[in-house]
Structures are given as structure tokens and as C-alpha cells.
C-alpha atoms as a PDB file:
ATOM      1  CA  MET A   1     119.388  89.163  95.310  1.00  0.00           C
ATOM      2  CA  ARG A   2     117.701  86.473  93.401  1.00  0.00           C
ATOM      3  CA  ILE A   3     114.293  86.524  92.510  1.00  0.00           C
ATOM      4  CA  VAL A   4     111.784  84.707  90.995  1.00  0.00           C
ATOM      5  CA  ILE A   5     109.097  86.262  89.445  1.00  0.00           C
ATOM      6  CA  ALA A   6     105.521  84.180  89.571  1.00  0.00           C
ATOM      7  CA  ASP A   7     102.812  86.030  87.574  1.00  0.00           C
ATOM      8  CA  ASP A   8     100.334  84.521  85.047  1.00  0.00           C
ATOM      9  CA  HIS A   9     101.009  87.657  82.670  1.00  0.00           C
ATOM     10  CA  HIS A  10     103.918  88.104  80.277  1.00  0.00           C
ATOM     11  CA  VAL A  11     103.668  91.550  80.434  1.00  0.00           C
ATOM     12  CA  VAL A  12     103.756  91.607  83.919  1.00  0.00           C
ATOM     13  CA  ARG A  13     106.930  89.433  84.448  1.00  0.00           C
ATOM     14  CA  LYS A  14     108.376  91.035  81.443  1.00  0.00           C
ATOM     15  CA  GLY A  15     107.744  94.548  82.776  1.00  0.00           C
ATOM     16  CA  LEU A  16     109.224  93.459  86.248  1.00  0.00           C
ATOM     17  CA  ARG A  17     112.543  91.570  84.572  1.00  0.00           C
ATOM     18  CA  PHE A  18     113.115  94.821  82.808  1.00  0.00           C
ATOM     19  CA  PHE A  19     112.869  97.286  85.499  1.00  0.00           C
ATOM     20  CA  PHE A  20     114.862  95.081  87.950  1.00  0.00           C
ATOM     21  CA  ALA A  21     117.966  94.404  85.001  1.00  0.00           C
ATOM     22  CA  THR A  22     118.725  97.660  85.877  1.00  0.00           C
ATOM     23  CA  LYS A  23     119.603  97.476  89.530  1.00  0.00           C
ATOM     24  CA  ASP A  24     122.681  95.915  90.382  1.00  0.00           C
ATOM     25  CA  ASP A  25     121.742  94.285  93.617  1.00  0.00           C
ATOM     26  CA  ILE A  26     119.068  92.237  91.599  1.00  0.00           C
ATOM     27  CA  GLU A  27     118.946  89.125  89.780  1.00  0.00           C
ATOM     28  CA  VAL A  28     115.822  87.333  88.079  1.00  0.00           C
ATOM     29  CA  VAL A  29     116.537  83.796  88.236  1.00  0.00           C
ATOM     30  CA  GLY A  30     113.488  82.313  86.959  1.00  0.00           C
ATOM     31  CA  GLU A  31     109.684  82.951  86.139  1.00  0.00           C
ATOM     32  CA  ALA A  32     106.512  80.954  86.641  1.00  0.00           C
ATOM     33  CA  ALA A  33     103.107  81.631  85.425  1.00  0.00           C
ATOM     34  CA  THR A  34     101.149  79.277  87.870  1.00  0.00           C
ATOM     35  CA  GLY A  35     101.766  78.312  91.336  1.00  0.00           C
ATOM     36  CA  ILE A  36     102.706  74.586  90.564  1.00  0.00           C
ATOM     37  CA  GLU A  37     105.132  75.996  88.140  1.00  0.00           C
ATOM     38  CA  ALA A  38     106.388  78.677  90.939  1.00  0.00           C
ATOM     39  CA  LEU A  39     107.113  75.554  93.357  1.00  0.00           C
ATOM     40  CA  ARG A  40     109.249  73.525  90.434  1.00  0.00           C
ATOM     41  CA  VAL A  41     110.748  76.981  89.955  1.00  0.00           C
ATOM     42  CA  ILE A  42     111.994  77.564  93.248  1.00  0.00           C
ATOM     43  CA  GLU A  43     112.718  74.138  93.780  1.00  0.00           C
ATOM     44  CA  GLU A  44     115.205  74.425  90.710  1.00  0.00           C
ATOM     45  CA  THR A  45     117.001  78.189  91.529  1.00  0.00           C
ATOM     46  CA  LYS A  46     117.165  78.228  95.483  1.00  0.00           C
ATOM     47  CA  PRO A  47     116.377  82.079  95.104  1.00  0.00           C
ATOM     48  CA  ASP A  48     116.689  84.577  98.294  1.00  0.00           C
ATOM     49  CA  LEU A  49     112.777  86.315  97.084  1.00  0.00           C
ATOM     50  CA  VAL A  50     109.879  85.277  95.506  1.00  0.00           C
ATOM     51  CA  LEU A  51     107.715  87.519  94.255  1.00  0.00           C
ATOM     52  CA  MET A  52     104.299  85.868  94.145  1.00  0.00           C
ATOM     53  CA  ASP A  53     100.810  86.978  92.224  1.00  0.00           C
ATOM     54  CA  LEU A  54      97.996  85.722  94.078  1.00  0.00           C
ATOM     55  CA  SER A  55      95.563  84.892  90.909  1.00  0.00           C
ATOM     56  CA  MET A  56      97.161  81.683  88.615  1.00  0.00           C
ATOM     57  CA  PRO A  57      95.814  78.904  87.530  1.00  0.00           C
ATOM     58  CA  ASP A  58      96.733  75.587  88.535  1.00  0.00           C
ATOM     59  CA  MET A  59      96.983  76.641  92.412  1.00  0.00           C
ATOM     60  CA  ASP A  60      96.649  80.302  93.746  1.00  0.00           C
ATOM     61  CA  GLY A  61      99.213  82.061  94.938  1.00  0.00           C
ATOM     62  CA  ILE A  62      97.981  81.742  98.905  1.00  0.00           C
ATOM     63  CA  ALA A  63      98.507  78.090  98.168  1.00  0.00           C
ATOM     64  CA  ALA A  64     102.150  78.192  96.524  1.00  0.00           C
ATOM     65  CA  THR A  65     102.972  80.772  99.181  1.00  0.00           C
ATOM     66  CA  LYS A  66     101.901  78.162 102.028  1.00  0.00           C
ATOM     67  CA  LYS A  67     103.920  75.375 100.033  1.00  0.00           C
ATOM     68  CA  ALA A  68     106.984  77.395  99.369  1.00  0.00           C
ATOM     69  CA  VAL A  69     107.211  78.466 103.364  1.00  0.00           C
ATOM     70  CA  GLN A  70     106.959  75.010 104.517  1.00  0.00           C
ATOM     71  CA  GLN A  71     108.862  73.331 101.426  1.00  0.00           C
ATOM     72  CA  PHE A  72     111.787  75.744 100.968  1.00  0.00           C
ATOM     73  CA  PRO A  73     112.424  77.970 104.762  1.00  0.00           C
ATOM     74  CA  GLY A  74     114.909  80.079 103.270  1.00  0.00           C
ATOM     75  CA  VAL A  75     112.870  82.231 100.311  1.00  0.00           C
ATOM     76  CA  HIS A  76     110.953  84.972 101.390  1.00  0.00           C
ATOM     77  CA  ILE A  77     107.399  85.921  99.726  1.00  0.00           C
ATOM     78  CA  VAL A  78     106.706  89.032  98.767  1.00  0.00           C
ATOM     79  CA  VAL A  79     102.724  89.100  97.338  1.00  0.00           C
ATOM     80  CA  LEU A  80     102.464  91.269  94.444  1.00  0.00           C
ATOM     81  CA  THR A  81      98.606  91.263  93.507  1.00  0.00           C
ATOM     82  CA  SER A  82      95.766  93.824  92.501  1.00  0.00           C
ATOM     83  CA  TYR A  83      93.578  92.369  95.388  1.00  0.00           C
ATOM     84  CA  SER A  84      93.434  94.444  98.481  1.00  0.00           C
ATOM     85  CA  ASP A  85      90.970  92.971  99.972  1.00  0.00           C
ATOM     86  CA  GLN A  86      90.925  91.767 103.458  1.00  0.00           C
ATOM     87  CA  GLU A  87      89.609  88.308 101.934  1.00  0.00           C
ATOM     88  CA  HIS A  88      92.876  87.951 100.093  1.00  0.00           C
ATOM     89  CA  VAL A  89      95.267  89.803 102.611  1.00  0.00           C
ATOM     90  CA  ILE A  90      94.724  87.867 105.961  1.00  0.00           C
ATOM     91  CA  PRO A  91      95.127  84.401 104.234  1.00  0.00           C
ATOM     92  CA  ALA A  92      98.673  85.332 102.638  1.00  0.00           C
ATOM     93  CA  LEU A  93      99.650  87.003 105.887  1.00  0.00           C
ATOM     94  CA  GLN A  94      98.884  84.179 107.533  1.00  0.00           C
ATOM     95  CA  ALA A  95     100.116  81.650 104.923  1.00  0.00           C
ATOM     96  CA  GLY A  96     103.860  83.192 105.483  1.00  0.00           C
ATOM     97  CA  ALA A  97     104.239  86.299 103.092  1.00  0.00           C
ATOM     98  CA  LYS A  98     106.849  88.580 104.446  1.00  0.00           C
ATOM     99  CA  ALA A  99     105.023  91.604 102.918  1.00  0.00           C
ATOM    100  CA  TYR A 100     102.845  92.544 100.556  1.00  0.00           C
ATOM    101  CA  GLN A 101     102.752  94.780  97.938  1.00  0.00           C
ATOM    102  CA  LEU A 102      99.712  96.056  95.856  1.00  0.00           C
ATOM    103  CA  LYS A 103     100.332  96.091  91.483  1.00  0.00           C
ATOM    104  CA  ASP A 104     100.087 100.133  91.605  1.00  0.00           C
ATOM    105  CA  THR A 105     102.780 100.607  93.796  1.00  0.00           C
ATOM    106  CA  GLU A 106     105.523 102.669  92.716  1.00  0.00           C
ATOM    107  CA  PRO A 107     108.417 100.875  91.443  1.00  0.00           C
ATOM    108  CA  GLU A 108     111.249 102.160  93.647  1.00  0.00           C
ATOM    109  CA  GLU A 109     108.874 101.271  96.959  1.00  0.00           C
ATOM    110  CA  LEU A 110     108.750  97.548  95.704  1.00  0.00           C
ATOM    111  CA  VAL A 111     113.032  97.389  95.435  1.00  0.00           C
ATOM    112  CA  LYS A 112     112.975  99.103  98.746  1.00  0.00           C
ATOM    113  CA  THR A 113     110.303  96.659 100.105  1.00  0.00           C
ATOM    114  CA  LEU A 114     112.325  93.654  98.411  1.00  0.00           C
ATOM    115  CA  ARG A 115     115.821  94.928 100.085  1.00  0.00           C
ATOM    116  CA  GLN A 116     113.899  95.377 103.427  1.00  0.00           C
ATOM    117  CA  VAL A 117     112.086  91.299 103.278  1.00  0.00           C
ATOM    118  CA  ASP A 118     116.004  90.687 101.974  1.00  0.00           C
ATOM    119  CA  SER A 119     117.884  91.919 105.339  1.00  0.00           C
ATOM    120  CA  GLY A 120     115.110  90.154 107.605  1.00  0.00           C
ATOM    121  CA  GLU A 121     112.063  92.802 107.832  1.00  0.00           C
ATOM    122  CA  TYR A 122     108.527  92.110 107.372  1.00  0.00           C
ATOM    123  CA  MET A 123     106.724  95.004 105.785  1.00  0.00           C
ATOM    124  CA  LEU A 124     103.231  95.579 105.737  1.00  0.00           C
ATOM    125  CA  SER A 125     102.060  97.906 103.506  1.00  0.00           C
ATOM    126  CA  SER A 126      99.970 100.774 104.836  1.00  0.00           C
ATOM    127  CA  ALA A 127      97.206 100.158 102.191  1.00  0.00           C
ATOM    128  CA  ILE A 128      96.348  96.727 103.778  1.00  0.00           C
ATOM    129  CA  MET A 129      96.278  97.944 107.378  1.00  0.00           C
ATOM    130  CA  PRO A 130      92.433  99.226 107.417  1.00  0.00           C
ATOM    131  CA  HIS A 131      92.152  95.167 106.094  1.00  0.00           C
ATOM    132  CA  VAL A 132      94.575  93.894 108.669  1.00  0.00           C
ATOM    133  CA  LEU A 133      92.897  95.846 111.598  1.00  0.00           C
ATOM    134  CA  THR A 134      88.840  94.909 110.450  1.00  0.00           C
ATOM    135  CA  HIS A 135      90.087  91.370 110.573  1.00  0.00           C
ATOM    136  CA  MET A 136      91.494  91.554 113.718  1.00  0.00           C
ATOM    137  CA  LYS A 137      88.912  93.376 115.416  1.00  0.00           C
ATOM    138  CA  LYS A 138      86.743  90.282 114.922  1.00  0.00           C
ATOM    139  CA  GLN A 139      88.879  88.512 116.870  1.00  0.00           C
ATOM    140  CA  ASN A 140      88.770  88.000 120.745  1.00  0.00           C
ATOM    141  CA  GLU A 141      90.268  90.508 122.877  1.00  0.00           C
ATOM    142  CA  PRO A 142      93.259  89.601 124.342  1.00  0.00           C
ATOM    143  CA  GLU A 143      95.266  90.409 127.414  1.00  0.00           C
ATOM    144  CA  LYS A 144      96.137  93.838 125.903  1.00  0.00           C
ATOM    145  CA  GLU A 145      97.832  94.345 129.501  1.00  0.00           C
ATOM    146  CA  LYS A 146     100.737  92.828 127.487  1.00  0.00           C
ATOM    147  CA  PHE A 147     101.332  96.129 126.148  1.00  0.00           C
ATOM    148  CA  TYR A 148     101.759  97.805 129.451  1.00  0.00           C
ATOM    149  CA  GLN A 149     104.569  95.686 130.656  1.00  0.00           C
ATOM    150  CA  LEU A 150     106.680  97.121 128.060  1.00  0.00           C
ATOM    151  CA  THR A 151     109.299 100.093 128.960  1.00  0.00           C
ATOM    152  CA  ARG A 152     108.364 103.918 127.313  1.00  0.00           C
ATOM    153  CA  ARG A 153     110.519 103.179 124.414  1.00  0.00           C
ATOM    154  CA  GLU A 154     109.903  99.348 123.833  1.00  0.00           C
ATOM    155  CA  ARG A 155     106.536 100.886 123.164  1.00  0.00           C
ATOM    156  CA  ASP A 156     107.735 104.087 121.016  1.00  0.00           C
ATOM    157  CA  VAL A 157     109.405 100.973 119.024  1.00  0.00           C
ATOM    158  CA  LEU A 158     106.407  99.068 118.916  1.00  0.00           C
ATOM    159  CA  ASN A 159     104.477 102.011 117.054  1.00  0.00           C
ATOM    160  CA  GLU A 160     107.208 102.508 114.759  1.00  0.00           C
ATOM    161  CA  ILE A 161     107.118  98.431 113.491  1.00  0.00           C
ATOM    162  CA  ALA A 162     102.995  99.449 113.098  1.00  0.00           C
ATOM    163  CA  CYS A 163     104.114 102.211 110.749  1.00  0.00           C
ATOM    164  CA  GLY A 164     106.043  99.767 108.581  1.00  0.00           C
ATOM    165  CA  LYS A 165     109.561 101.406 109.675  1.00  0.00           C
ATOM    166  CA  SER A 166     112.880  99.119 108.737  1.00  0.00           C
ATOM    167  CA  ASN A 167     115.393  99.431 112.037  1.00  0.00           C
ATOM    168  CA  LYS A 168     117.539 101.785 110.370  1.00  0.00           C
ATOM    169  CA  GLU A 169     114.687 103.912 109.749  1.00  0.00           C
ATOM    170  CA  ILE A 170     113.502 103.629 113.255  1.00  0.00           C
ATOM    171  CA  ALA A 171     116.528 104.276 114.823  1.00  0.00           C
ATOM    172  CA  ALA A 172     116.388 107.887 112.929  1.00  0.00           C
ATOM    173  CA  SER A 173     113.078 108.474 114.112  1.00  0.00           C
ATOM    174  CA  LEU A 174     113.656 107.809 118.098  1.00  0.00           C
ATOM    175  CA  PHE A 175     117.407 109.199 117.648  1.00  0.00           C
ATOM    176  CA  ILE A 176     118.864 105.932 118.890  1.00  0.00           C
ATOM    177  CA  SER A 177     121.440 102.983 117.694  1.00  0.00           C
ATOM    178  CA  GLU A 178     120.171 100.834 115.288  1.00  0.00           C
ATOM    179  CA  LYS A 179     122.036  98.155 117.342  1.00  0.00           C
ATOM    180  CA  THR A 180     119.706  99.624 120.541  1.00  0.00           C
ATOM    181  CA  VAL A 181     116.564  99.329 118.353  1.00  0.00           C
ATOM    182  CA  LYS A 182     117.182  95.400 117.744  1.00  0.00           C
ATOM    183  CA  THR A 183     117.385  94.847 121.398  1.00  0.00           C
ATOM    184  CA  HIS A 184     114.185  96.868 122.135  1.00  0.00           C
ATOM    185  CA  VAL A 185     112.846  94.968 119.603  1.00  0.00           C
ATOM    186  CA  SER A 186     113.515  91.961 120.784  1.00  0.00           C
ATOM    187  CA  ASN A 187     112.913  92.347 124.213  1.00  0.00           C
ATOM    188  CA  LEU A 188     109.157  93.653 123.264  1.00  0.00           C
ATOM    189  CA  LEU A 189     108.622  90.187 121.234  1.00  0.00           C
ATOM    190  CA  ALA A 190     109.591  88.308 124.316  1.00  0.00           C
ATOM    191  CA  LYS A 191     107.111  90.177 126.778  1.00  0.00           C
ATOM    192  CA  LEU A 192     104.264  90.286 124.047  1.00  0.00           C
ATOM    193  CA  GLU A 193     105.051  85.983 123.373  1.00  0.00           C
ATOM    194  CA  LEU A 194     105.398  86.757 119.788  1.00  0.00           C
ATOM    195  CA  ALA A 195     107.411  85.108 117.019  1.00  0.00           C
ATOM    196  CA  ASP A 196     108.226  88.566 114.714  1.00  0.00           C
ATOM    197  CA  ARG A 197     107.675  91.857 113.677  1.00  0.00           C
ATOM    198  CA  THR A 198     104.925  91.001 111.991  1.00  0.00           C
ATOM    199  CA  GLN A 199     103.386  89.777 114.483  1.00  0.00           C
ATOM    200  CA  ALA A 200     104.173  92.535 116.872  1.00  0.00           C
ATOM    201  CA  ALA A 201     103.031  95.403 114.027  1.00  0.00           C
ATOM    202  CA  LEU A 202      98.966  93.020 113.709  1.00  0.00           C
ATOM    203  CA  PHE A 203      99.350  93.431 117.791  1.00  0.00           C
ATOM    204  CA  ALA A 204      99.499  97.071 117.284  1.00  0.00           C
ATOM    205  CA  VAL A 205      97.352  97.295 115.135  1.00  0.00           C
ATOM    206  CA  LYS A 206      94.736  94.824 116.895  1.00  0.00           C
ATOM    207  CA  TYR A 207      94.513  96.680 120.179  1.00  0.00           C
ATOM    208  CA  ASN A 208      94.566 100.384 118.268  1.00  0.00           C
ATOM    209  CA  LEU A 209      98.280 100.888 120.194  1.00  0.00           C
ATOM    210  CA  ASN A 210      99.472 103.414 117.219  1.00  0.00           C
ATOM    211  CA  GLY A 211     100.627 106.767 119.272  1.00  0.00           C
ATOM    212  CA  GLU A 212      99.797 104.912 122.460  1.00  0.00           C
ATOM    213  CA  THR A 213     103.204 105.134 125.017  1.00  0.00           C
ATOM    214  CA  THR A 214     101.495 105.656 128.424  1.00  0.00           C
ATOM    215  CA  LYS A 215      98.665 104.525 130.707  1.00  0.00           C
END
């Protein structure tokens, strides 16, 4: 994984670079201290992933994330910040971040997130889920009945997605193959008219469906 670290604190960038140097599958190809610099470095290095801080000079991480997603669709943004409040979490996800992690997360957990995002997964940290839930409850109540169009197994998979599990983890939890999980994910996204796993997780949280499999 080729990674760019965007953070206005030199110590943070240096610490992350030192830690990632111990991982054979991670290469730091660039650093940035501002949002504008982050966009320039992304264009120059064409990384797979960007670790994006939210509080930076010139252009904050949310604005930089939105522009990066628009200009470089192949790049995945992983937010790494100290902010866990709703005012930062929701805009970052809406801007296109594939994951949101706090800076006090365990280093190995951060690496796990990077690997899963690089493989196409979306990661919602359990630490931010209460804020997501609060936000979604403020929205208009949509057609919850869509949930009951799903088969029982598809509901099980949706609940696992809402817990932030990868396809591999879901397969192990439900004792089915990873290929079967992918099929269920594809089917439930189509039935719920959702674009991706992040939206599926938000759907489950919005309707408080975690653990609900029957009606």
C-alpha cells in the first residue's frame, strides 16, 4: 500500500512513518502539512491511500477529502483525527472518506483499517457510531419496510456490516464462504437501493436494526 500522510504536526507524521516502516506491505510515498499541499502530493505520488487529518492550515481535511475524492477517484481517504464529535464525523463521511479513526486508536488497529480499505472495504469505527446514529435519527424516517425485503441471511450480513466487519470476518462469524458473503452484500445493496457498504451500515444504524433479523 502506497500511503500519503497529511497532518500539520511533524511529530505525528514522523511517528507514523517510523511505525509504517516496520510493515512490509506499507510504503509512505509522501507527506503534507496542509490540505492544499495534500492535494499536490496526491497528484504527484498517486498513492493508494491517504491518512487525512481534519485540522490543517489553508484547507481543512474535510474540504481536502472532498476535492481528493473528486479529482483522484482511485485514492481512498482514511481520516485520522482527534475529533470524535458529530460535527466532524458526519461531514467527513459525506465528503467521501472510506474510514474514520481516532488518533488514540491502537497502531495495529490502524494498520488493519488501512488494509481493509485498500481491499475495498469501508470502515466505521465503533467509537463514532453513536454520533452517526444521532445524526441519522434527525433525518426523515424513510421506508424501513425495505429492510423486510431482505432474506434472513441478508439481514444477518447487514447487521455484521453495521458492526464494521469485513467480508472475511462476516464469513467466519456466519460460517459461510467469503464468496457467499459477497453475493449477499450485492443483493442487499440492490434491494435497499444503496450504493455501498458505508450506506448499508448507516441504514442499519439509522433504523436501529442491529440484531433484528425477523418481524
